[in-house]
Protein backbone atom coordinates (compact mmCIF):
# COMPACT_ATOMS: atom_id res chain seq x y z
CA UNK A 1 -22.31 -11.05 -9.43
CA UNK A 2 -18.54 -11.15 -10.58
CA UNK A 3 -18.11 -14.88 -11.37
CA UNK A 4 -21.46 -15.36 -13.33
CA UNK A 5 -20.11 -12.69 -15.27
CA UNK A 6 -16.73 -14.42 -15.71
CA UNK A 7 -18.40 -17.62 -16.50
CA UNK A 8 -20.32 -16.06 -19.36
CA UNK A 9 -17.10 -14.48 -20.59
CA UNK A 10 -15.24 -17.75 -20.61
CA UNK A 11 -18.02 -19.94 -22.29
CA UNK A 12 -18.67 -17.52 -25.13
CA UNK A 13 -15.44 -18.67 -26.55
CA UNK A 14 -16.68 -22.39 -26.56
CA UNK A 15 -19.08 -22.23 -30.52
CA UNK A 16 -15.75 -20.44 -31.64
CA UNK A 17 -13.17 -23.27 -31.03
CA UNK A 18 -13.66 -27.17 -31.87
CA UNK A 19 -10.49 -27.72 -29.65
CA UNK A 20 -11.96 -26.06 -26.46
CA UNK A 21 -15.55 -27.92 -26.77
CA UNK A 22 -13.12 -31.07 -27.07
CA UNK A 23 -11.15 -30.38 -24.01
CA UNK A 24 -14.18 -29.34 -22.11
CA UNK A 25 -15.94 -32.68 -22.96
CA UNK A 26 -12.35 -34.51 -22.04
CA UNK A 27 -12.61 -32.35 -18.45
CA UNK A 28 -16.05 -33.34 -17.88
CA UNK A 29 -16.34 -34.01 -13.76
CA UNK A 30 -12.85 -32.65 -13.37
CA UNK A 31 -11.88 -29.49 -11.51
CA UNK A 32 -9.10 -26.97 -10.56
CA UNK A 33 -9.24 -24.66 -7.73
CA UNK A 34 -7.34 -21.42 -8.01
CA UNK A 35 -6.54 -19.78 -4.93
CA UNK A 36 -5.50 -16.18 -4.49
CA UNK A 37 -3.11 -15.66 -2.03
CA UNK A 38 -4.97 -13.90 1.00
CA UNK A 39 -8.20 -13.57 -0.76
CA UNK A 40 -10.21 -16.23 -2.01
CA UNK A 41 -10.75 -19.50 -3.54
CA UNK A 42 -12.81 -20.23 -6.81
CA UNK A 43 -13.50 -23.82 -8.03
CA UNK A 44 -13.27 -23.80 -12.25
CA UNK A 45 -14.84 -27.25 -13.44
CA UNK A 46 -16.25 -28.77 -16.68
CA UNK A 47 -19.64 -30.50 -17.18
CA UNK A 48 -18.69 -31.46 -20.18
CA UNK A 49 -20.32 -28.70 -22.39
CA UNK A 50 -19.51 -25.36 -20.35
CA UNK A 51 -17.20 -24.45 -17.73
CA UNK A 52 -18.32 -23.63 -14.13
CA UNK A 53 -16.75 -20.85 -11.71
CA UNK A 54 -17.67 -20.76 -8.29
CA UNK A 55 -16.27 -19.43 -5.05
CA UNK A 56 -14.70 -21.80 -2.48
CA UNK A 57 -16.44 -25.49 -3.08
CA UNK A 58 -15.42 -29.09 -2.81
CA UNK A 59 -11.55 -29.60 -2.99
CA UNK A 60 -10.09 -29.84 -6.63
CA UNK A 61 -7.73 -32.30 -7.94
CA UNK A 62 -5.63 -29.83 -8.69
CA UNK A 63 -4.86 -26.25 -7.10
CA UNK A 64 -3.07 -22.77 -8.70
CA UNK A 65 -1.96 -20.54 -6.06
CA UNK A 66 -0.58 -17.05 -6.34
CA UNK A 67 -1.47 -13.46 -6.52
CA UNK A 68 -4.50 -12.22 -8.29
CA UNK A 69 -1.90 -10.93 -11.29
CA UNK A 70 0.39 -14.21 -11.33
CA UNK A 71 -2.97 -16.15 -11.98
CA UNK A 72 -4.50 -13.89 -14.65
CA UNK A 73 -1.05 -13.99 -16.20
CA UNK A 74 -1.80 -18.12 -16.71
CA UNK A 75 -4.44 -16.66 -19.53
CA UNK A 76 -3.43 -14.06 -20.44
CA UNK A 77 0.32 -14.54 -21.43
CA UNK A 78 1.36 -16.57 -24.68
CA UNK A 79 3.47 -19.40 -22.36
CA UNK A 80 1.32 -20.44 -19.37
CA UNK A 81 4.67 -22.03 -18.20
CA UNK A 82 6.12 -18.16 -17.70
CA UNK A 83 4.32 -17.47 -14.27
CA UNK A 84 5.06 -21.28 -13.25
CA UNK A 85 8.68 -20.48 -13.69
CA UNK A 86 9.00 -17.26 -12.65
CA UNK A 87 7.14 -18.63 -8.90
CA UNK A 88 4.43 -16.31 -9.06
CA UNK A 89 2.31 -19.36 -9.31
CA UNK A 90 2.65 -22.79 -7.58
CA UNK A 91 0.70 -25.87 -8.96
CA UNK A 92 0.06 -28.81 -6.24
CA UNK A 93 -2.09 -31.68 -7.16
CA UNK A 94 -2.83 -33.51 -10.59
CA UNK A 95 -0.31 -31.39 -12.60
CA UNK A 96 -1.72 -32.90 -16.05
CA UNK A 97 -5.24 -32.04 -15.30
CA UNK A 98 -3.75 -28.09 -14.70
CA UNK A 99 -2.00 -27.90 -17.93
CA UNK A 100 -4.88 -29.28 -19.68
CA UNK A 101 -6.96 -26.15 -18.19
CA UNK A 102 -4.58 -24.32 -18.58
CA UNK A 103 -4.73 -24.96 -22.62
CA UNK A 104 -8.77 -24.44 -22.02
CA UNK A 105 -8.45 -20.97 -20.87
CA UNK A 106 -5.81 -20.13 -23.15
CA UNK A 107 -8.37 -21.09 -26.09
CA UNK A 108 -11.11 -19.41 -24.44
CA UNK A 109 -9.26 -15.97 -23.79
CA UNK A 110 -11.56 -13.42 -24.53
CA UNK A 111 -10.51 -10.81 -27.38
CA UNK A 112 -11.05 -7.55 -25.61
CA UNK A 113 -11.41 -5.86 -28.78
CA UNK A 114 -14.47 -8.46 -29.66
CA UNK A 115 -15.99 -7.81 -26.31
CA UNK A 116 -15.88 -4.20 -26.50
CA UNK A 117 -17.45 -4.49 -30.17
CA UNK A 118 -20.46 -6.09 -28.70
CA UNK A 119 -21.17 -3.18 -26.09
CA UNK A 120 -20.24 -0.38 -28.75
CA UNK A 121 -20.13 -1.71 -32.20
CA UNK A 122 -17.05 -2.50 -34.66
CA UNK A 123 -15.33 0.65 -35.47
CA UNK A 124 -14.93 2.28 -32.03
CA UNK A 125 -13.98 -0.78 -30.93
CA UNK A 126 -11.21 -1.05 -33.25
CA UNK A 127 -10.33 2.73 -33.03
CA UNK A 128 -10.30 2.39 -29.34
CA UNK A 129 -8.45 -1.04 -29.20
CA UNK A 130 -5.84 0.65 -31.53
CA UNK A 131 -5.29 3.54 -29.08
CA UNK A 132 -4.87 0.97 -26.60
CA UNK A 133 -2.02 -0.32 -28.00
CA UNK A 134 -0.41 2.40 -29.44
CA UNK A 135 -0.41 3.63 -25.43
CA UNK A 136 0.68 0.43 -24.36
CA UNK A 137 3.54 0.17 -26.95
CA UNK A 138 4.84 3.98 -26.14
CA UNK A 139 4.64 3.10 -22.23
CA UNK A 140 7.06 -0.25 -23.25
CA UNK A 141 9.11 2.17 -25.16
CA UNK A 142 9.31 4.86 -22.22
CA UNK A 143 9.50 2.37 -19.63
CA UNK A 144 13.08 0.52 -21.22
CA UNK A 145 14.61 3.66 -22.30
CA UNK A 146 13.98 4.98 -18.68
CA UNK A 147 15.66 1.93 -17.47
CA UNK A 148 18.49 2.27 -20.11
CA UNK A 149 19.23 6.07 -19.10
CA UNK A 150 19.18 5.05 -15.17
CA UNK A 151 21.75 2.18 -15.81
CA UNK A 152 23.76 4.30 -17.97
CA UNK A 153 23.71 7.14 -15.07
CA UNK A 154 24.60 4.54 -12.61
CA UNK A 155 27.40 2.95 -14.65
CA UNK A 156 28.72 6.12 -16.11
CA UNK A 157 27.76 9.48 -13.84
CA UNK A 158 27.86 7.75 -10.71
CA UNK A 159 30.16 5.08 -11.08
CA UNK A 160 27.98 2.43 -8.95
CA UNK A 161 27.82 -0.07 -11.73
CA UNK A 162 30.10 -1.60 -14.62
CA UNK A 163 29.24 -0.28 -18.35
CA UNK A 164 28.57 -3.30 -20.42
CA UNK A 165 31.52 -2.59 -22.58
CA UNK A 166 33.67 -2.60 -19.92
CA UNK A 167 32.38 -5.60 -18.06
CA UNK A 168 32.26 -7.52 -21.52
CA UNK A 169 35.77 -6.83 -21.88
CA UNK A 170 36.90 -7.61 -18.60
CA UNK A 171 35.04 -11.04 -18.88
CA UNK A 172 36.70 -11.91 -22.05
CA UNK A 173 40.20 -10.85 -20.59
CA UNK A 174 39.20 -13.56 -17.52
CA UNK A 175 38.34 -15.84 -20.33
CA UNK A 176 41.66 -15.63 -21.93
CA UNK A 177 43.75 -15.70 -18.64
CA UNK A 178 41.96 -19.14 -17.73
CA UNK A 179 42.47 -20.36 -21.41
CA UNK A 180 46.32 -19.33 -21.07
CA UNK A 181 46.51 -21.19 -17.61
CA UNK A 182 45.19 -24.07 -18.79
CA UNK A 183 47.76 -24.32 -21.56
CA UNK A 184 50.40 -23.79 -19.10
CA UNK A 185 49.13 -26.37 -16.82
CA UNK A 186 49.38 -28.60 -19.89
CA UNK A 187 52.65 -27.80 -21.06
CA UNK A 188 53.83 -28.02 -17.47
CA UNK A 189 52.37 -31.66 -16.77
CA UNK A 190 54.10 -32.53 -20.32
CA UNK A 191 57.21 -31.09 -19.32
CA UNK A 192 57.38 -33.24 -15.77
CA UNK A 193 56.01 -36.42 -17.49
CA UNK A 194 59.17 -35.83 -19.37
CA UNK A 195 61.49 -35.58 -17.32
CA UNK A 196 60.20 -38.57 -15.34
CA UNK A 197 60.68 -40.76 -17.93
CA UNK A 198 64.46 -42.21 -17.91
């Protein structure tokens, strides 16, 4: 039940994107497996016109392994390389093919507001999306402030962490000392060379 719904959601964006249609045709007969850690294996393939999503299936040419949130981040994030660099997703097999499927998924990423508008109408969907964006921004600000306050507490109140200003001052002092030692070493080498000459 869930797989056909996801498949329809992905394929709904194909008519709107000429590049996605071209990629889909280019990837005809090719497939990528999505292996969710300790869960299931899905196979994403292209028949040249649409994408198919099936549970299990034959081995694919490339395999993406990771947790559900890591694999979802591939389609959700602006840069699909970010989950790979963090190590939350690994790729095996044909990496060039996997990158092509990344690009295709990026182009077919559904717009939540547009999908919601199909169910409840344009105006309510826009208002709900605005509310969700505002709530997300507020949550991010609150989280950033909380982390900042926690760091300040551990640095100033408890003394467990070094305050940023003190840390930067210490590092500047270390750099200045290193430069002074390098200059002194160069002077001593020049003096030793002068003394060695007759």
